[in-house]
Structure formats: C-alpha cells, structure tokens
Amino acid sequence: TLSIIKDLALIDGCKQIWYADDDGARGRLTALKTWWDRLTYIGPPVGYFPNAGKTWLVVKPEHKEEATRLFEGTGIRITEDALSMEDAIGGQRYLGAALGSM
C-alpha cells in the first residue's frame, strides 16, 4: 500500500489517512473524486480493492447536490449527517467533505 499512498499524495486539495488497509480522505469534492478514481485505478493491480459499498462521503448540506453529481455511478453513499456517521464509525468526527469506509 505504500506505493498507493505515495501516488495519491500527489493529488492537490486532498489529504488522506491510512490505518493498515483502511483509508480515508478529506478535501475539495473535485479532489476527492480524483483521489477515488485514481485509487480504484491503481489499487487492484497491486492487490488493493476499494469497496464503494462500504464507502461514505460526508458533505456539508450546501455541497450535497454537487457531490451527488460528481460521484454518480460510483456506488459511494453520500450523507450530510455527520452526527449519524460519527455513531456509525465509532465516534470519529469528519469536518467538511470526507471520504472513507466503515
């Protein structure tokens, strides 16, 4: 996964966090979309398979429409309810737009 992490670190406007094989990112929606697309492209050849079905995008209410448009067809679930997500992911809080799995 180190090669994936280094590759994705080159994307402007996006910060990522990894714990073993779990990953997440925060940043501008367009940067997150670039990050996701790149992850799903470079991951499988090295044995890392992102699971969109377990992935949530947490956004501010005013960005939900854009997020829905950008991530259409990816299988990623989008929410603006950070408090529900906080409960669902073990008390971790996301601010702004964040992409991660649970």
Foldseek 3Di string as FASTA:
>chain_A
DVVLVVVLVPQPFKDKDDDPLWIKIAGDLVSVLVSVVSCCVPPVVVPRHDDQCQKEKAAAPVCQVVNCVSCPPVSHHYDPPQVVVCVVVPNDGDDHIMMTGD
